[in-house]
Amino acid sequence: MANFKLGVITDEISQNIEDSIRIAKRYGLDGLELRSVDGKQMHRLSDQRVKEISAMIHDAGLQVCGLSTPVFKCNLKNKEEVAAHHRMLRRYAELARLLDARILRGFSFWADRDFEVAYPDIVKELQRTAPVLEEYGLQFALEADPSVFATNGAKVARLVQAASSPWIGALYDPGNNMWDPDGEIPYPDGYEALRADICHIHVKDAVREQERTEAVAIGQGQVGYGPLLARLAAEGYDGWLVLETHYRLASTLSEEQLKRPAGYAFSAGGEEATVECLESLLELLEQHGQKIC
C-alpha cells in the first residue's frame, strides 16, 4: 500500500480556489499546492485573502501541501533581481505560515551561460536561503526546469548536495525531463540521481519527438509512470505526489506560459485536462495494486 499523499496545483484547474477544492474532493485528493489564485501569484495577494483561501481549503478537510513559488527564476548576474528574490522567499515563508504549508518550490536562475561557470554562485545563493527556511521550519524544494541552470536531476542533485543544508532538498518532476536539453531519461536516471534528496514530487507527462516536446495526459507519454509509481511504493516514499497538468485539450500552452505559469490565460481549459490526468493517474495506481492511504 502506498504511503504517499496526492495533490494538484490549483491553477492547473482554475484561478478560482473553489473549483480546485471541488475537484480535489471529487477525486479524494489529500491536498492542494498553490501557485496563482485570482489571477495573481501568491506573493501578490493580501494577507487577508490568503487567510480566506487557507480557511476554505482547511474547512474542506484538505491540506496545503506546498507553494509553487517563482523564487530564483531571475538573472543570477543581476544583484538587484537576486536581492528581490531573497525578499520574495521571505514573503513566501510568511504565506506558508498562514497556510500551514511546509514546502516552497524554487529554481536555479535563468540559464545564460554554462552551468559549470555559474555553479559556485548558485550554491552560494541557495545557502543564503537556509536561515529563513530554518526560521520558518520550511523545506526549499529545488526543481529542474529547461529554462534555468539545473535542467535535470543530475544537476539539481549536485546543487542540493553542495548546498548541504537540511532545509534544502530536491523536487523530482520526471515530466520536466522531457524538455531537458541534455536528454536525461526521466526514470530511472532522473530518479536515481535525486533519490537520496527527494522531498517533493510533481507529475506531468509528455512526448518528445525530433527535439519537440508536447505535453499529454498522464500515462499517455514517455515518462513511464507505471514502473516509477511501483518503485515509489516499494521504497516507502511517504511525501506528496502532486499533479502539475501542463496540458490542455483544445489548446497548447505557449513556451512563455510554461516558463512563467500563472494567471487566467494559463488556467483556461485546465479543469478538463486535469480531470483527464487525475483519472489516468488513479487508474495507473489501481493497475499497479496501489491504494493511497
Protein backbone atom coordinates (compact mmCIF):
# COMPACT_ATOMS: atom_id res chain seq x y z
CA MET A 1 0.00 0.00 0.00
CA ALA A 2 1.41 3.38 -0.99
CA ASN A 3 2.04 5.89 1.79
CA PHE A 4 2.33 8.97 -0.37
CA LYS A 5 -0.31 11.67 -0.48
CA LEU A 6 -1.96 13.03 -3.62
CA GLY A 7 -2.39 16.68 -4.54
CA VAL A 8 -2.82 19.01 -7.50
CA ILE A 9 -1.54 22.50 -8.32
CA THR A 10 -4.66 24.65 -8.19
CA ASP A 11 -4.09 26.94 -11.17
CA GLU A 12 -3.86 23.88 -13.42
CA ILE A 13 -7.62 23.70 -12.75
CA SER A 14 -8.78 27.28 -12.28
CA GLN A 15 -7.96 30.67 -10.81
CA ASN A 16 -10.97 30.18 -8.51
CA ILE A 17 -9.93 28.28 -5.40
CA GLU A 18 -13.46 26.89 -5.02
CA ASP A 19 -13.08 25.00 -8.32
CA SER A 20 -9.84 23.41 -7.19
CA ILE A 21 -11.35 22.37 -3.87
CA ARG A 22 -14.31 20.81 -5.69
CA ILE A 23 -12.08 18.73 -7.98
CA ALA A 24 -9.80 17.69 -5.11
CA LYS A 25 -12.78 16.49 -3.10
CA ARG A 26 -14.32 14.68 -6.09
CA TYR A 27 -11.17 12.63 -6.64
CA GLY A 28 -10.32 12.04 -3.00
CA LEU A 29 -7.10 14.05 -3.01
CA ASP A 30 -5.30 14.96 0.19
CA GLY A 31 -4.21 18.48 -0.60
CA LEU A 32 -3.61 21.43 -2.89
CA GLU A 33 -0.45 23.21 -3.99
CA LEU A 34 -0.80 26.93 -4.65
CA ARG A 35 0.90 28.95 -7.41
CA SER A 36 -1.60 31.58 -8.58
CA VAL A 37 -5.13 32.41 -7.42
CA ASP A 38 -7.50 35.18 -8.54
CA GLY A 39 -5.16 35.83 -11.48
CA LYS A 40 -2.23 36.68 -9.19
CA GLN A 41 0.86 34.87 -7.98
CA MET A 42 0.51 34.07 -4.29
CA HIS A 43 3.04 36.67 -3.09
CA ARG A 44 0.90 39.40 -4.68
CA LEU A 45 -2.20 38.53 -2.64
CA SER A 46 -3.06 40.31 0.61
CA ASP A 47 -2.69 38.53 3.94
CA GLN A 48 -6.44 38.75 4.37
CA ARG A 49 -7.11 36.98 1.07
CA VAL A 50 -4.54 34.31 1.88
CA LYS A 51 -6.22 33.71 5.24
CA GLU A 52 -9.57 33.32 3.44
CA ILE A 53 -8.05 30.81 1.00
CA SER A 54 -6.46 28.92 3.88
CA ALA A 55 -9.77 28.69 5.73
CA MET A 56 -11.62 27.39 2.65
CA ILE A 57 -9.02 24.70 2.00
CA HIS A 58 -8.78 23.51 5.58
CA ASP A 59 -12.56 23.67 6.11
CA ALA A 60 -12.82 21.24 3.16
CA GLY A 61 -10.58 18.80 5.00
CA LEU A 62 -7.61 19.41 2.69
CA GLN A 63 -4.01 20.41 3.34
CA VAL A 64 -1.86 22.96 1.57
CA CYS A 65 0.99 20.69 0.54
CA GLY A 66 3.25 23.45 -0.73
CA LEU A 67 3.68 26.72 -2.56
CA SER A 68 4.93 26.68 -6.16
CA THR A 69 7.00 29.83 -5.99
CA PRO A 70 8.93 31.55 -8.82
CA VAL A 71 11.87 32.11 -6.46
CA PHE A 72 15.18 32.28 -8.35
CA LYS A 73 13.61 32.43 -11.77
CA CYS A 74 15.68 35.54 -12.23
CA ASN A 75 19.06 36.68 -13.56
CA LEU A 76 21.94 35.45 -11.37
CA LYS A 77 24.18 38.29 -12.61
CA ASN A 78 21.68 40.97 -11.56
CA LYS A 79 22.26 41.71 -7.87
CA GLU A 80 19.03 43.72 -7.55
CA GLU A 81 16.95 40.89 -9.00
CA VAL A 82 18.62 38.32 -6.77
CA ALA A 83 18.05 40.51 -3.70
CA ALA A 84 14.40 40.93 -4.67
CA HIS A 85 14.01 37.16 -4.91
CA HIS A 86 15.51 36.67 -1.46
CA ARG A 87 12.88 39.12 -0.18
CA MET A 88 10.27 37.15 -2.14
CA LEU A 89 11.42 33.97 -0.42
CA ARG A 90 10.73 35.54 2.97
CA ARG A 91 7.29 36.65 1.77
CA TYR A 92 6.52 33.08 0.71
CA ALA A 93 7.75 31.84 4.07
CA GLU A 94 5.24 34.18 5.73
CA LEU A 95 2.49 32.90 3.44
CA ALA A 96 3.45 29.29 4.21
CA ARG A 97 2.92 30.04 7.89
CA LEU A 98 -0.54 31.47 7.17
CA LEU A 99 -1.42 28.43 5.05
CA ASP A 100 0.21 25.80 7.29
CA ALA A 101 2.39 24.67 4.37
CA ARG A 102 5.86 23.16 4.71
CA ILE A 103 7.35 23.17 1.20
CA LEU A 104 8.46 26.04 -1.05
CA ARG A 105 9.31 25.09 -4.63
CA GLY A 106 12.09 27.13 -6.26
CA PHE A 107 14.62 27.19 -9.08
CA SER A 108 18.27 27.80 -10.00
CA PHE A 109 18.25 31.07 -12.03
CA TRP A 110 17.77 31.73 -15.73
CA ALA A 111 20.39 29.88 -17.76
CA ASP A 112 22.50 32.47 -19.58
CA ARG A 113 25.91 30.73 -19.55
CA ASP A 114 27.49 27.35 -18.88
CA PHE A 115 26.24 25.52 -15.78
CA GLU A 116 29.77 24.84 -14.54
CA VAL A 117 30.66 28.54 -14.64
CA ALA A 118 27.56 29.54 -12.68
CA TYR A 119 27.64 26.59 -10.28
CA PRO A 120 29.58 28.17 -7.35
CA ASP A 121 27.37 31.30 -7.36
CA ILE A 122 24.15 29.24 -7.46
CA VAL A 123 25.32 27.20 -4.47
CA LYS A 124 26.13 30.39 -2.56
CA GLU A 125 22.66 31.86 -3.18
CA LEU A 126 20.98 28.60 -2.19
CA GLN A 127 22.97 28.54 1.05
CA ARG A 128 21.78 32.09 1.78
CA THR A 129 18.20 30.79 1.96
CA ALA A 130 18.90 28.42 4.86
CA PRO A 131 18.45 30.91 7.76
CA VAL A 132 14.99 31.95 6.52
CA LEU A 133 13.98 28.35 5.90
CA GLU A 134 15.15 27.35 9.37
CA GLU A 135 13.36 30.31 10.98
CA TYR A 136 10.04 29.24 9.45
CA GLY A 137 10.64 25.48 9.52
CA LEU A 138 10.34 25.09 5.75
CA GLN A 139 11.86 22.90 3.05
CA PHE A 140 13.09 24.53 -0.15
CA ALA A 141 12.42 22.05 -2.97
CA LEU A 142 14.76 22.77 -5.89
CA GLU A 143 13.18 21.85 -9.23
CA ALA A 144 14.79 21.14 -12.60
CA ASP A 145 13.49 23.27 -15.47
CA PRO A 146 14.70 23.69 -19.06
CA SER A 147 14.90 27.48 -18.70
CA VAL A 148 17.19 27.52 -15.67
CA PHE A 149 20.73 26.30 -14.99
CA ALA A 150 19.70 22.98 -13.42
CA THR A 151 17.78 21.36 -16.28
CA ASN A 152 17.70 17.83 -14.90
CA GLY A 153 18.03 15.61 -11.86
CA ALA A 154 21.78 15.22 -12.03
CA LYS A 155 22.34 18.98 -11.90
CA VAL A 156 19.75 19.52 -9.16
CA ALA A 157 21.41 16.77 -7.11
CA ARG A 158 24.82 18.44 -7.40
CA LEU A 159 23.41 21.78 -6.21
CA VAL A 160 21.42 20.31 -3.33
CA GLN A 161 24.34 18.25 -2.11
CA ALA A 162 26.73 21.18 -2.40
CA ALA A 163 24.32 23.48 -0.53
CA SER A 164 24.46 20.85 2.23
CA SER A 165 21.51 22.06 4.30
CA PRO A 166 18.72 20.02 5.91
CA TRP A 167 16.36 22.78 4.76
CA ILE A 168 17.17 22.34 1.03
CA GLY A 169 16.02 19.27 -0.88
CA ALA A 170 15.13 18.17 -4.39
CA LEU A 171 11.82 18.32 -6.20
CA TYR A 172 11.59 15.38 -8.61
CA ASP A 173 9.47 16.13 -11.67
CA PRO A 174 10.12 13.36 -14.21
CA GLY A 175 7.92 15.11 -16.76
CA ASN A 176 10.32 18.04 -16.89
CA ASN A 177 12.99 15.67 -18.19
CA MET A 178 11.04 15.54 -21.45
CA TRP A 179 12.16 19.16 -22.01
CA ASP A 180 15.72 18.66 -20.73
CA PRO A 181 18.24 19.83 -23.37
CA ASP A 182 20.69 17.22 -22.03
CA GLY A 183 18.12 14.47 -22.60
CA GLU A 184 18.19 12.90 -19.13
CA ILE A 185 15.88 9.85 -19.01
CA PRO A 186 13.04 10.60 -16.55
CA TYR A 187 13.03 7.15 -14.97
CA PRO A 188 15.17 5.52 -13.81
CA ASP A 189 18.01 8.01 -14.48
CA GLY A 190 16.39 11.17 -13.12
CA TYR A 191 15.06 9.30 -10.11
CA GLU A 192 18.37 7.64 -9.30
CA ALA A 193 20.17 10.99 -9.46
CA LEU A 194 17.79 12.58 -6.95
CA ARG A 195 16.67 9.61 -4.89
CA ALA A 196 18.63 10.48 -1.73
CA ASP A 197 17.48 14.12 -1.75
CA ILE A 198 13.81 14.00 -2.87
CA CYS A 199 11.46 15.96 -0.61
CA HIS A 200 8.58 16.53 -3.05
CA ILE A 201 7.33 15.16 -6.38
CA HIS A 202 5.39 16.72 -9.26
CA VAL A 203 3.89 14.61 -12.04
CA LYS A 204 3.20 15.53 -15.65
CA ASP A 205 3.64 13.59 -18.90
CA ALA A 206 4.83 14.45 -22.39
CA VAL A 207 6.04 13.09 -25.70
CA ARG A 208 9.36 14.16 -27.22
CA GLU A 209 9.91 13.68 -30.93
CA GLN A 210 12.61 15.28 -33.08
CA GLU A 211 13.53 17.84 -30.39
CA ARG A 212 9.90 18.93 -30.00
CA THR A 213 8.10 18.16 -26.75
CA GLU A 214 4.33 18.12 -26.32
CA ALA A 215 2.50 17.69 -23.02
CA VAL A 216 -0.07 14.88 -22.85
CA ALA A 217 -2.26 13.21 -20.24
CA ILE A 218 -0.59 11.17 -17.50
CA GLY A 219 0.22 7.70 -18.81
CA GLN A 220 -0.02 8.74 -22.47
CA GLY A 221 3.56 10.00 -22.71
CA GLN A 222 7.10 8.70 -22.45
CA VAL A 223 7.84 9.21 -18.75
CA GLY A 224 6.94 5.65 -17.76
CA TYR A 225 4.82 6.24 -14.68
CA GLY A 226 3.91 2.60 -14.06
CA PRO A 227 7.40 1.46 -13.01
CA LEU A 228 8.04 4.75 -11.21
CA LEU A 229 4.88 4.55 -9.08
CA ALA A 230 5.65 0.94 -8.23
CA ARG A 231 9.19 1.92 -7.20
CA LEU A 232 7.99 4.76 -5.00
CA ALA A 233 5.54 2.46 -3.23
CA ALA A 234 8.11 -0.30 -2.82
CA GLU A 235 10.68 2.08 -1.35
CA GLY A 236 8.17 3.63 1.04
CA TYR A 237 8.07 7.18 -0.31
CA ASP A 238 5.70 8.96 2.07
CA GLY A 239 5.74 12.51 0.70
CA TRP A 240 3.48 14.26 -1.79
CA LEU A 241 2.73 13.30 -5.38
CA VAL A 242 1.31 16.48 -6.93
CA LEU A 243 -0.24 16.70 -10.39
CA GLU A 244 1.05 19.62 -12.49
CA THR A 245 -1.06 19.07 -15.60
CA HIS A 246 0.70 21.41 -18.09
CA TYR A 247 -1.63 20.03 -20.75
CA ARG A 248 -4.81 21.36 -22.34
CA LEU A 249 -7.36 19.55 -24.51
CA ALA A 250 -8.22 22.28 -27.01
CA SER A 251 -5.06 24.37 -26.98
CA THR A 252 -1.33 24.25 -26.38
CA LEU A 253 0.39 26.21 -23.66
CA SER A 254 2.98 28.60 -25.07
CA GLU A 255 6.66 28.43 -24.19
CA GLU A 256 6.23 31.60 -22.16
CA GLN A 257 3.28 30.10 -20.24
CA LEU A 258 5.34 27.01 -19.46
CA LYS A 259 8.24 29.21 -18.37
CA ARG A 260 6.11 31.51 -16.18
CA PRO A 261 2.86 29.66 -15.38
CA ALA A 262 0.24 31.85 -13.68
CA GLY A 263 -2.96 33.75 -14.33
CA TYR A 264 -6.28 33.33 -16.11
CA ALA A 265 -4.92 32.63 -19.60
CA PHE A 266 -2.72 29.86 -18.24
CA SER A 267 -5.65 28.24 -16.38
CA ALA A 268 -8.06 28.38 -19.35
CA GLY A 269 -9.17 24.85 -20.24
CA GLY A 270 -7.27 23.44 -17.30
CA GLU A 271 -10.11 21.74 -15.45
CA GLU A 272 -10.97 19.30 -18.25
CA ALA A 273 -7.32 18.39 -18.83
CA THR A 274 -6.65 17.99 -15.12
CA VAL A 275 -9.68 15.74 -14.68
CA GLU A 276 -8.37 13.53 -17.51
CA CYS A 277 -4.94 13.39 -15.89
CA LEU A 278 -6.33 12.63 -12.43
CA GLU A 279 -8.44 9.78 -13.78
CA SER A 280 -5.42 8.39 -15.63
CA LEU A 281 -3.20 8.68 -12.57
CA LEU A 282 -5.71 6.98 -10.29
CA GLU A 283 -6.19 4.22 -12.85
CA LEU A 284 -2.42 3.69 -13.04
CA LEU A 285 -2.22 3.43 -9.28
CA GLU A 286 -5.03 0.88 -9.25
CA GLN A 287 -3.45 -1.14 -12.07
CA HIS A 288 -0.31 -1.48 -10.02
CA GLY A 289 -2.20 -2.57 -6.93
CA GLN A 290 -1.59 0.66 -5.07
CA LYS A 291 -4.21 2.16 -2.83
CA ILE A 292 -3.47 5.52 -1.33
CA CYS A 293 -3.64 5.67 2.46
